[in-house]
Structure formats: structure tokens, C-alpha cells
Amino acid sequence: MPLRDEHDDLGGYRRLIERTLKPIVDTHAEQTFANGHLAVVYDKNDMEAIGYAKVIAEVFDERVILVTLYEKDAADPAVQWRDGVMYARTGDGKWWPIRAAFRYVTQRPWMRFPVACTKTLVLNPVVACLAGGRNKLTAAKAYEFFNSSHAADALEVCTPKTIRDLSKSEVPFWVESFGGYACIKVPYANAGQGVYTITSKAELDAFMADDTGEYDQYIVQSLVGSYAWSSITHRGQLYHVGSIPDKNGRIFVCDMRMMVHFDYKMKQWRPLALYSRRAPKPLPVHLGPGDSSWDVLGTNLSYKDDGGAWKTDSARLLIADRRDFNKLGVGLDDLIDAYVQTVCASAAIDSLAQKLVDSDDGGQQNFNRALFESLNKDAVLAAEIRAGPDDCHQLAADAAVEVYAAKQ
């Protein structure tokens, strides 16, 4: 988003840290655990993670430990746990206690972080991912719960027609029911991974033949494509109108992402960032034989290079300025709608996440595995979560740790 204060280069980064993270950290330190450093833990987007670390250091006026936590580091991770406290290893081999961690770990975070209820504050907690933040299956259920409970308020999280809890063998039947046009999703993937747009038998056959991993739970949604090739449901047909035509008369599929945060100073949800992404190829009236529907519908910028490293195709990023934003053809009503939809979706997932954490007779909070496994009937995912505490690596009892001293 354009800077509210042109003299503050930190923009939305500062607002997120000052008005969301810092109040939570300060309260947590008073009530739970204060004797540790701050850390940023990440597995992608080096530049953004470093940006967060620098802003946190400036806002808190203290040292911030920046540490990577990749899946490939499972044998000897630089983040380990002891009695609910996170310890981070710096380049000199020393282990430091962490009182609060800003988590930018995106790939199966439940394998590297405890799900919930740690002494170290983790923002965002992994239970939020499992409740829908990075789980499209439970997100669909969270939206249904929200829509039912807020029907009298005329609030609704708008989604395509969604069929969930499917095994792979069931997928073709639902694709056929949508007229041969559908979007298939592996629920726990992100950054554009595990999403398949289906507009032909060839694309469906390719999905069925693809190695989609060990999980056996899928989502099938109605496809929003061109007016000539979109799913037809009982609510009618939705299709892309595309961007403003360029000088060659081409239009592109674009999304618009509005990021929001809860501002503890204002006591309300506030817009934080706004950007758009366009698909690689223009939107055609008809797809030809052999054409890839993903190339004209997929807007994700993240991709893996040949070495497996995450990269970003920033050439397709459209930022909220006069040059790019005018290409989208959106107005004030669209921005208001984007804000309302984002807040409603966030509230829906937050509500489900709270239900997945309960308290025992002694007041100790615990992750409600039974409830989660009833909502998300995937044996492979359940096994990963159950193995999570072991995979998170408990710091050896005889491992030497450094003594925390503020503002080092």
C-alpha cells in the first residue's frame, strides 16, 4: 500500500510490529515468559524475513536472532525446544532462549513447531495454520461455520462451490459434475503448489497420474475461468472479466490480495498491505488443444527452481500505485469488499483455532487432537502432527545455553 507517512520507509512493516506483535509480546512476557530474545524463523523469502527482523530490532530496540528452519535441516535444526521454550542456535554454535518468535515457516510447520501452548510466544501459532491458515480443507469448514453463525448479520465468506474430504479416486466424478471444469487442491500445500486447474480430459488425466504426495484428502472447487469455459453450479456461473485491456487488446486474470492486522491501539482490524498478481498469459475466449489453463489462471508468484530453492516471479507483481493499480479495473467498492472478505475469513479461521485449544482441570491448555482429527480425516496428516513434538527436536538436557541479557 502507499505509505501513510512518506517519511517512514518501514511503512506496513512498522505498523504490524508496533501495533500487533509488540502488544502481544509485552503481555506474554508479563504473564508467561520474559527471559529470552526475539527471533525471526523462516524457510523462504530471505529479503522479507530480513526486513521483519530489522523492523523488530528497531521497534523493540534490542537484538533479534534471524534463523532458517528448512525441512532439509531435520537432522540438526537450528531451532529446538526444552520444556516449552524455544532455543535458537546462532552462527557461533551458541543456543539462546527465545521469548517470542515471528514465524515465517510455511512448509508443513507442524513438523517443526509444536502445534500450540508453548511458553515461547509464536506468531502466528501453528494451530492457526491447521485451522485454515494453511489447510484449505479446514478453512472450507471454518467458512461454513462462520457463514451459518453470521447469517443474520448478512456477513458471508464468499467461496466457489467446494466439495471436500475426497479421496483421489472420487475426484473425477466431481469434475464431471461441474461440467468438466474444476479446480483441484491438495489441502495442505501453499504458494501455488498442489493446485490443478482442469479444463480438459488431458489435464484431468495428468492430475490423476501425478505424484501428489502421501496425503489422500482433496478438495474440488468450481472453476472460475473464461465465460466460455467455467464451471456451472446451482448458483449459476462465475467467470473472470480480466484486467483493463493492454495496447494489444489482451486481458489478464489478476487477483487482489489485501492483508489486514488487528491494531491493538485502535482495537480494530486495519488494512495493512494491498497488492495484485497477474497470470503469465492473457485470458483467451477459448482454450486450444494442448493449452495450459494454469498459465492463464494461475497468479502465484512463488516457484521452485531446478535446485529446489524458492524464487519469486516479481515481473507479474502489481503494486498499489498509479501505474499498476489502474490496470486492474477495480473501484472503491471492490476495495471495501476485499477488506470485509479478508476480515471475515481471518475471523472464521481464528474462531476455529480457538476451538481446537482447550484447557484441562488444572488450567493447562492443550491441542484438541480428537476434535481436529474428526474435522480433518487424513491419517497421514494426523500421523505427522502426532510425530511433530519428536520432529521439533527437544534440546538435549546437557546442552549448554546462554543466559539472556536484554539489549545485547
Protein backbone atom coordinates (compact mmCIF):
# COMPACT_ATOMS: atom_id res chain seq x y z
CA MET A 1 0.00 0.00 0.00
CA PRO A 2 1.15 3.58 -0.44
CA LEU A 3 2.96 4.85 2.62
CA ARG A 4 0.72 6.70 5.07
CA ASP A 5 3.75 8.67 6.15
CA GLU A 6 6.20 9.34 3.32
CA HIS A 7 8.98 9.88 5.88
CA ASP A 8 8.58 6.36 7.32
CA ASP A 9 10.20 3.90 4.94
CA LEU A 10 9.19 0.95 7.15
CA GLY A 11 5.51 1.50 6.31
CA GLY A 12 3.29 -1.51 6.95
CA TYR A 13 6.17 -3.46 8.48
CA ARG A 14 6.34 -0.96 11.35
CA ARG A 15 2.55 -0.89 11.86
CA LEU A 16 2.38 -4.69 12.05
CA ILE A 17 5.22 -4.92 14.58
CA GLU A 18 4.29 -1.86 16.68
CA ARG A 19 0.55 -2.36 16.82
CA THR A 20 0.13 -6.13 16.62
CA LEU A 21 3.28 -8.01 17.61
CA LYS A 22 4.64 -5.75 20.36
CA PRO A 23 1.45 -5.56 22.46
CA ILE A 24 1.12 -9.36 22.35
CA VAL A 25 4.80 -9.90 23.23
CA ASP A 26 4.68 -7.42 26.11
CA THR A 27 1.56 -9.05 27.58
CA HIS A 28 3.00 -12.54 27.14
CA ALA A 29 6.25 -11.52 28.83
CA GLU A 30 4.35 -10.23 31.86
CA GLN A 31 2.20 -13.34 32.18
CA THR A 32 4.25 -16.28 30.92
CA PHE A 33 7.89 -16.00 29.90
CA ALA A 34 10.19 -12.99 29.64
CA ASN A 35 13.76 -14.30 29.85
CA GLY A 36 14.63 -14.68 26.20
CA HIS A 37 15.49 -12.97 22.95
CA LEU A 38 13.28 -12.21 19.97
CA ALA A 39 13.68 -14.27 16.81
CA VAL A 40 12.52 -14.46 13.21
CA VAL A 41 12.36 -18.06 11.97
CA TYR A 42 11.83 -18.64 8.25
CA ASP A 43 12.11 -21.09 5.37
CA LYS A 44 11.61 -18.81 2.32
CA ASN A 45 11.80 -15.20 1.12
CA ASP A 46 15.13 -14.12 2.62
CA MET A 47 14.59 -10.44 1.86
CA GLU A 48 11.20 -10.27 3.57
CA ALA A 49 12.37 -12.22 6.61
CA ILE A 50 15.39 -9.95 6.99
CA GLY A 51 13.09 -6.96 6.66
CA TYR A 52 10.91 -8.20 9.51
CA ALA A 53 13.97 -8.86 11.68
CA LYS A 54 15.33 -5.34 11.14
CA VAL A 55 12.00 -3.71 11.93
CA ILE A 56 11.50 -5.82 15.07
CA ALA A 57 15.01 -4.87 16.23
CA GLU A 58 14.22 -1.17 15.71
CA VAL A 59 10.79 -1.22 17.34
CA PHE A 60 11.89 -3.25 20.39
CA ASP A 61 15.36 -1.66 20.47
CA GLU A 62 17.08 -4.97 21.05
CA ARG A 63 18.86 -7.81 19.35
CA VAL A 64 16.83 -10.11 17.07
CA ILE A 65 18.06 -13.57 16.11
CA LEU A 66 17.41 -14.46 12.46
CA VAL A 67 17.41 -18.20 11.85
CA THR A 68 16.45 -20.51 8.97
CA LEU A 69 14.48 -23.70 9.53
CA TYR A 70 14.25 -25.78 6.37
CA GLU A 71 12.75 -29.26 6.07
CA LYS A 72 16.15 -30.49 4.88
CA ASP A 73 17.64 -29.44 8.25
CA ALA A 74 15.57 -32.01 10.16
CA ALA A 75 18.64 -33.95 11.34
CA ASP A 76 20.19 -30.94 13.08
CA PRO A 77 17.81 -27.95 13.13
CA ALA A 78 18.89 -24.56 14.40
CA VAL A 79 15.66 -24.32 16.39
CA GLN A 80 15.00 -26.77 19.22
CA TRP A 81 12.77 -26.90 22.30
CA ARG A 82 13.03 -27.62 26.01
CA ASP A 83 10.07 -27.52 28.42
CA GLY A 84 8.02 -25.43 26.00
CA VAL A 85 10.77 -22.86 25.44
CA MET A 86 12.33 -22.34 22.03
CA TYR A 87 16.11 -22.17 21.69
CA ALA A 88 17.81 -20.80 18.58
CA ARG A 89 21.36 -21.54 17.53
CA THR A 90 23.46 -18.70 16.18
CA GLY A 91 26.35 -18.98 13.77
CA ASP A 92 28.86 -19.37 16.60
CA GLY A 93 27.10 -22.53 17.78
CA LYS A 94 25.55 -20.96 20.89
CA TRP A 95 21.98 -21.70 21.96
CA TRP A 96 19.82 -18.76 23.05
CA PRO A 97 16.42 -18.82 24.79
CA ILE A 98 13.62 -17.16 22.79
CA ARG A 99 10.68 -15.43 24.47
CA ALA A 100 8.86 -14.63 21.20
CA ALA A 101 9.32 -15.80 17.61
CA PHE A 102 7.94 -14.32 14.42
CA ARG A 103 7.28 -17.45 12.36
CA TYR A 104 7.74 -17.36 8.58
CA VAL A 105 7.96 -21.15 8.27
CA THR A 106 5.50 -22.12 5.54
CA GLN A 107 6.14 -25.74 4.55
CA ARG A 108 4.49 -28.23 6.95
CA PRO A 109 5.20 -26.05 10.01
CA TRP A 110 3.53 -28.64 12.30
CA MET A 111 6.60 -30.84 11.69
CA ARG A 112 8.97 -28.20 13.08
CA PHE A 113 6.93 -26.31 15.67
CA PRO A 114 4.69 -27.51 18.50
CA VAL A 115 1.09 -27.00 17.42
CA ALA A 116 0.12 -24.78 20.36
CA CYS A 117 0.57 -23.95 24.04
CA THR A 118 4.28 -23.13 24.30
CA LYS A 119 5.98 -20.83 26.78
CA THR A 120 7.68 -19.10 23.86
CA LEU A 121 5.17 -16.91 22.07
CA VAL A 122 4.90 -17.86 18.39
CA LEU A 123 3.18 -15.54 15.95
CA ASN A 124 1.32 -16.99 14.19
CA PRO A 125 0.84 -20.22 16.16
CA VAL A 126 0.78 -23.42 14.12
CA VAL A 127 -2.76 -24.17 15.28
CA ALA A 128 -3.85 -21.23 13.11
CA CYS A 129 -2.33 -22.99 10.09
CA LEU A 130 -4.13 -26.24 10.88
CA ALA A 131 -7.42 -24.39 11.44
CA GLY A 132 -7.35 -22.98 7.92
CA GLY A 133 -4.40 -20.63 7.51
CA ARG A 134 -2.53 -23.32 5.58
CA ASN A 135 -5.17 -26.01 5.43
CA LYS A 136 -7.75 -25.50 2.72
CA LEU A 137 -9.89 -28.37 3.99
CA THR A 138 -10.46 -26.97 7.48
CA ALA A 139 -10.64 -23.45 6.03
CA ALA A 140 -13.67 -24.53 3.99
CA LYS A 141 -15.30 -25.81 7.19
CA ALA A 142 -14.34 -22.69 9.15
CA TYR A 143 -16.02 -20.54 6.50
CA GLU A 144 -19.16 -22.69 6.64
CA PHE A 145 -19.31 -22.34 10.44
CA PHE A 146 -18.80 -18.58 10.16
CA ASN A 147 -21.44 -18.16 7.45
CA SER A 148 -24.01 -20.11 9.45
CA SER A 149 -23.40 -18.18 12.66
CA HIS A 150 -23.42 -14.77 10.94
CA ALA A 151 -26.28 -15.28 8.51
CA ALA A 152 -28.45 -12.84 10.49
CA ASP A 153 -25.72 -10.20 10.10
CA ALA A 154 -25.64 -10.58 6.31
CA LEU A 155 -21.95 -11.47 6.51
CA GLU A 156 -20.59 -14.28 4.36
CA VAL A 157 -17.19 -15.53 3.27
CA CYS A 158 -17.73 -15.95 -0.47
CA THR A 159 -16.11 -19.04 -1.98
CA PRO A 160 -16.53 -21.16 -5.09
CA LYS A 161 -18.68 -24.27 -4.75
CA THR A 162 -16.46 -26.55 -2.67
CA ILE A 163 -16.55 -30.34 -2.31
CA ARG A 164 -14.20 -31.56 0.41
CA ASP A 165 -13.00 -34.73 2.15
CA LEU A 166 -12.43 -36.53 -1.14
CA SER A 167 -10.07 -39.38 -1.94
CA LYS A 168 -8.21 -39.13 -5.24
CA SER A 169 -10.36 -41.81 -6.84
CA GLU A 170 -13.50 -39.70 -6.19
CA VAL A 171 -12.15 -36.56 -7.84
CA PRO A 172 -13.09 -37.37 -11.49
CA PHE A 173 -16.77 -37.82 -10.58
CA TRP A 174 -16.98 -34.34 -9.12
CA VAL A 175 -15.07 -32.82 -12.02
CA GLU A 176 -17.65 -34.36 -14.32
CA SER A 177 -20.47 -32.93 -12.19
CA PHE A 178 -19.03 -29.45 -12.72
CA GLY A 179 -19.22 -29.90 -16.49
CA GLY A 180 -15.59 -30.97 -16.89
CA TYR A 181 -14.23 -27.70 -15.49
CA ALA A 182 -12.88 -27.67 -11.94
CA CYS A 183 -10.04 -26.68 -9.63
CA ILE A 184 -8.45 -29.48 -7.58
CA LYS A 185 -6.41 -28.69 -4.49
CA VAL A 186 -4.13 -30.61 -2.17
CA PRO A 187 -5.38 -29.06 1.10
CA TYR A 188 -2.04 -28.57 2.86
CA ALA A 189 0.10 -27.18 0.04
CA ASN A 190 0.69 -23.46 -0.47
CA ALA A 191 2.48 -20.93 -2.68
CA GLY A 192 0.69 -22.29 -5.75
CA GLN A 193 1.85 -25.84 -5.13
CA GLY A 194 -0.74 -28.62 -5.27
CA VAL A 195 -3.32 -26.64 -7.28
CA TYR A 196 -4.61 -28.10 -10.56
CA THR A 197 -6.96 -26.29 -12.93
CA ILE A 198 -8.92 -28.76 -15.03
CA THR A 199 -10.43 -27.79 -18.38
CA SER A 200 -9.87 -30.95 -20.42
CA LYS A 201 -9.56 -34.70 -20.14
CA ALA A 202 -5.81 -34.35 -20.71
CA GLU A 203 -5.43 -32.08 -17.66
CA LEU A 204 -7.54 -34.41 -15.51
CA ASP A 205 -5.52 -37.44 -16.67
CA ALA A 206 -2.30 -35.55 -15.86
CA PHE A 207 -3.55 -34.86 -12.33
CA MET A 208 -4.54 -38.48 -11.77
CA ALA A 209 -1.12 -39.65 -12.97
CA ASP A 210 0.81 -37.05 -10.98
CA ASP A 211 2.50 -37.95 -7.72
CA THR A 212 0.55 -35.68 -5.40
CA GLY A 213 2.23 -36.99 -2.25
CA GLU A 214 1.14 -39.26 0.55
CA TYR A 215 -1.95 -37.30 1.57
CA ASP A 216 -5.29 -38.69 0.43
CA GLN A 217 -7.63 -35.80 1.05
CA TYR A 218 -8.52 -33.44 -1.77
CA ILE A 219 -10.78 -30.51 -2.45
CA VAL A 220 -12.63 -29.94 -5.72
CA GLN A 221 -13.98 -26.47 -6.40
CA SER A 222 -15.95 -24.98 -9.25
CA LEU A 223 -13.60 -23.35 -11.75
CA VAL A 224 -13.75 -19.62 -12.42
CA GLY A 225 -12.34 -19.27 -15.94
CA SER A 226 -13.48 -17.53 -19.12
CA TYR A 227 -17.19 -17.08 -19.78
CA ALA A 228 -16.88 -19.85 -22.40
CA TRP A 229 -15.18 -22.35 -20.07
CA SER A 230 -16.20 -22.12 -16.42
CA SER A 231 -17.99 -24.50 -14.07
CA ILE A 232 -21.76 -24.36 -13.90
CA THR A 233 -23.27 -24.82 -10.44
CA HIS A 234 -26.71 -24.44 -8.88
CA ARG A 235 -25.81 -20.79 -8.18
CA GLY A 236 -25.00 -20.15 -11.82
CA GLN A 237 -21.67 -19.45 -13.50
CA LEU A 238 -18.82 -17.19 -12.42
CA TYR A 239 -16.09 -16.08 -14.80
CA HIS A 240 -13.20 -13.62 -14.98
CA VAL A 241 -13.69 -10.28 -16.69
CA GLY A 242 -9.93 -9.74 -16.55
CA SER A 243 -7.80 -6.64 -16.35
CA ILE A 244 -8.06 -3.46 -18.39
CA PRO A 245 -7.02 -4.41 -21.97
CA ASP A 246 -3.43 -3.56 -22.85
CA LYS A 247 -2.40 -1.84 -26.09
CA ASN A 248 -2.67 -5.16 -27.89
CA GLY A 249 -6.20 -5.76 -26.63
CA ARG A 250 -5.15 -8.54 -24.27
CA ILE A 251 -6.70 -9.01 -20.84
CA PHE A 252 -5.16 -10.97 -17.97
CA VAL A 253 -6.53 -12.77 -14.95
CA CYS A 254 -5.45 -10.89 -11.82
CA ASP A 255 -6.08 -11.44 -8.16
CA MET A 256 -6.08 -8.78 -5.47
CA ARG A 257 -4.74 -9.53 -2.02
CA MET A 258 -5.49 -7.34 0.94
CA MET A 259 -3.57 -8.09 4.13
CA VAL A 260 -5.10 -7.00 7.42
CA HIS A 261 -3.93 -6.96 11.03
CA PHE A 262 -5.56 -6.38 14.38
CA ASP A 263 -4.45 -2.99 15.64
CA TYR A 264 -4.34 -3.23 19.43
CA LYS A 265 -4.09 0.55 19.73
CA MET A 266 -7.20 1.20 17.64
CA LYS A 267 -8.91 -2.04 18.85
CA GLN A 268 -9.97 -2.95 15.33
CA TRP A 269 -8.95 -4.76 12.16
CA ARG A 270 -6.99 -2.47 9.84
CA PRO A 271 -5.74 -2.78 6.24
CA LEU A 272 -2.01 -3.38 6.16
CA ALA A 273 -0.94 -4.14 2.60
CA LEU A 274 -2.50 -4.41 -0.82
CA TYR A 275 -1.11 -5.90 -3.97
CA SER A 276 -2.11 -7.84 -7.06
CA ARG A 277 -0.63 -10.57 -9.21
CA ARG A 278 -1.38 -11.39 -12.82
CA ALA A 279 -1.28 -14.70 -14.66
CA PRO A 280 1.62 -15.37 -17.06
CA LYS A 281 -0.51 -15.48 -20.24
CA PRO A 282 -3.57 -13.50 -21.40
CA LEU A 283 -7.08 -14.85 -20.94
CA PRO A 284 -8.40 -16.34 -24.21
CA VAL A 285 -12.03 -16.73 -25.18
CA HIS A 286 -11.37 -20.40 -25.94
CA LEU A 287 -8.54 -22.72 -24.96
CA GLY A 288 -6.91 -24.64 -27.77
CA PRO A 289 -5.84 -28.29 -27.62
CA GLY A 290 -2.71 -28.56 -25.52
CA ASP A 291 -3.11 -25.11 -23.95
CA SER A 292 -2.37 -24.97 -20.23
CA SER A 293 -5.23 -23.48 -18.25
CA TRP A 294 -2.86 -22.84 -15.33
CA ASP A 295 -0.82 -20.44 -17.47
CA VAL A 296 -3.86 -18.19 -17.88
CA LEU A 297 -5.44 -18.68 -14.43
CA GLY A 298 -2.54 -19.22 -12.00
CA THR A 299 -1.38 -15.99 -10.38
CA ASN A 300 1.04 -17.28 -7.72
CA LEU A 301 4.49 -15.72 -7.93
CA SER A 302 6.40 -18.32 -5.88
CA TYR A 303 8.10 -21.19 -7.64
CA LYS A 304 10.92 -23.63 -7.06
CA ASP A 305 13.99 -23.56 -9.28
CA ASP A 306 15.77 -26.66 -10.52
CA GLY A 307 17.72 -26.83 -7.27
CA GLY A 308 14.56 -26.77 -5.14
CA ALA A 309 15.11 -23.20 -3.89
CA TRP A 310 12.12 -20.85 -3.63
CA LYS A 311 12.08 -17.95 -6.11
CA THR A 312 9.64 -15.15 -6.88
CA ASP A 313 8.48 -14.04 -10.33
CA SER A 314 8.25 -10.37 -9.38
CA ALA A 315 7.63 -9.27 -13.01
CA ARG A 316 3.96 -10.25 -12.52
CA LEU A 317 3.56 -8.33 -9.27
CA LEU A 318 1.26 -5.31 -9.47
CA ILE A 319 1.61 -2.87 -6.61
CA ALA A 320 -0.87 -0.26 -5.45
CA ASP A 321 0.42 2.71 -7.38
CA ARG A 322 -1.00 4.77 -10.24
CA ARG A 323 0.81 2.87 -12.98
CA ASP A 324 -0.07 -0.70 -11.96
CA PHE A 325 -3.27 -0.31 -9.99
CA ASN A 326 -5.17 1.36 -12.81
CA LYS A 327 -4.68 -1.78 -14.91
CA LEU A 328 -6.90 -3.82 -12.59
CA GLY A 329 -10.15 -2.01 -13.25
CA VAL A 330 -11.27 -2.10 -9.62
CA GLY A 331 -13.02 0.64 -7.69
CA LEU A 332 -13.63 1.69 -4.10
CA ASP A 333 -16.48 -0.81 -3.70
CA ASP A 334 -14.11 -3.63 -4.66
CA LEU A 335 -11.56 -2.48 -2.07
CA ILE A 336 -14.21 -2.34 0.66
CA ASP A 337 -15.41 -5.80 -0.33
CA ALA A 338 -11.83 -7.11 -0.24
CA TYR A 339 -11.39 -5.71 3.28
CA VAL A 340 -14.64 -7.21 4.56
CA GLN A 341 -13.92 -10.61 2.99
CA THR A 342 -10.39 -10.71 4.42
CA VAL A 343 -11.53 -9.80 7.93
CA CYS A 344 -14.37 -12.34 7.81
CA ALA A 345 -12.03 -15.10 6.60
CA SER A 346 -9.48 -14.25 9.30
CA ALA A 347 -12.16 -14.23 12.00
CA ALA A 348 -13.52 -17.58 10.78
CA ILE A 349 -10.12 -19.28 10.98
CA ASP A 350 -9.31 -17.64 14.32
CA SER A 351 -12.61 -18.87 15.75
CA LEU A 352 -11.91 -22.46 14.71
CA ALA A 353 -8.33 -22.25 16.00
CA GLN A 354 -9.65 -21.23 19.43
CA LYS A 355 -11.99 -24.22 19.46
CA LEU A 356 -9.02 -26.52 18.78
CA VAL A 357 -7.33 -25.44 22.02
CA ASP A 358 -8.95 -26.41 25.29
CA SER A 359 -8.00 -26.37 28.97
CA ASP A 360 -7.72 -29.28 31.38
CA ASP A 361 -8.80 -29.24 35.03
CA GLY A 362 -5.50 -27.65 36.04
CA GLY A 363 -5.87 -24.79 33.56
CA GLN A 364 -3.21 -26.16 31.21
CA GLN A 365 -4.07 -25.50 27.58
CA ASN A 366 -3.77 -28.36 25.11
CA PHE A 367 -4.32 -29.03 21.42
CA ASN A 368 -7.58 -30.94 20.96
CA ARG A 369 -6.35 -33.69 18.65
CA ALA A 370 -9.61 -35.63 18.75
CA LEU A 371 -11.61 -32.65 17.53
CA PHE A 372 -9.09 -31.82 14.82
CA GLU A 373 -8.96 -35.40 13.54
CA SER A 374 -12.75 -35.50 13.38
CA LEU A 375 -12.71 -32.34 11.26
CA ASN A 376 -9.75 -33.38 9.13
CA LYS A 377 -9.92 -37.12 8.47
CA ASP A 378 -6.46 -37.58 7.00
CA ALA A 379 -4.42 -40.34 8.61
CA VAL A 380 -1.14 -39.13 7.09
CA LEU A 381 -1.56 -35.57 8.38
CA ALA A 382 -2.66 -36.88 11.78
CA ALA A 383 0.49 -39.01 11.97
CA GLU A 384 2.66 -36.00 11.09
CA ILE A 385 1.09 -33.91 13.83
CA ARG A 386 1.49 -36.71 16.36
CA ALA A 387 5.15 -37.04 15.37
CA GLY A 388 5.61 -33.29 15.47
CA PRO A 389 6.91 -32.99 19.06
CA ASP A 390 9.66 -35.50 18.22
CA ASP A 391 10.48 -33.86 14.90
CA CYS A 392 10.64 -30.46 16.62
CA HIS A 393 13.76 -31.77 18.40
CA GLN A 394 13.99 -31.43 22.12
CA LEU A 395 17.19 -29.66 23.09
CA ALA A 396 19.45 -32.09 24.91
CA ALA A 397 19.32 -31.79 28.68
CA ASP A 398 23.10 -31.38 28.86
CA ALA A 399 23.27 -28.78 26.06
CA ALA A 400 24.75 -25.51 27.29
CA VAL A 401 22.52 -22.46 26.79
CA GLU A 402 23.41 -18.82 27.04
CA VAL A 403 21.97 -16.54 29.70
CA TYR A 404 19.60 -13.94 28.32
CA ALA A 405 20.56 -10.33 28.83
CA ALA A 406 18.35 -7.61 27.42
CA LYS A 407 19.55 -5.27 24.65
CA GLN A 408 22.75 -7.07 23.70
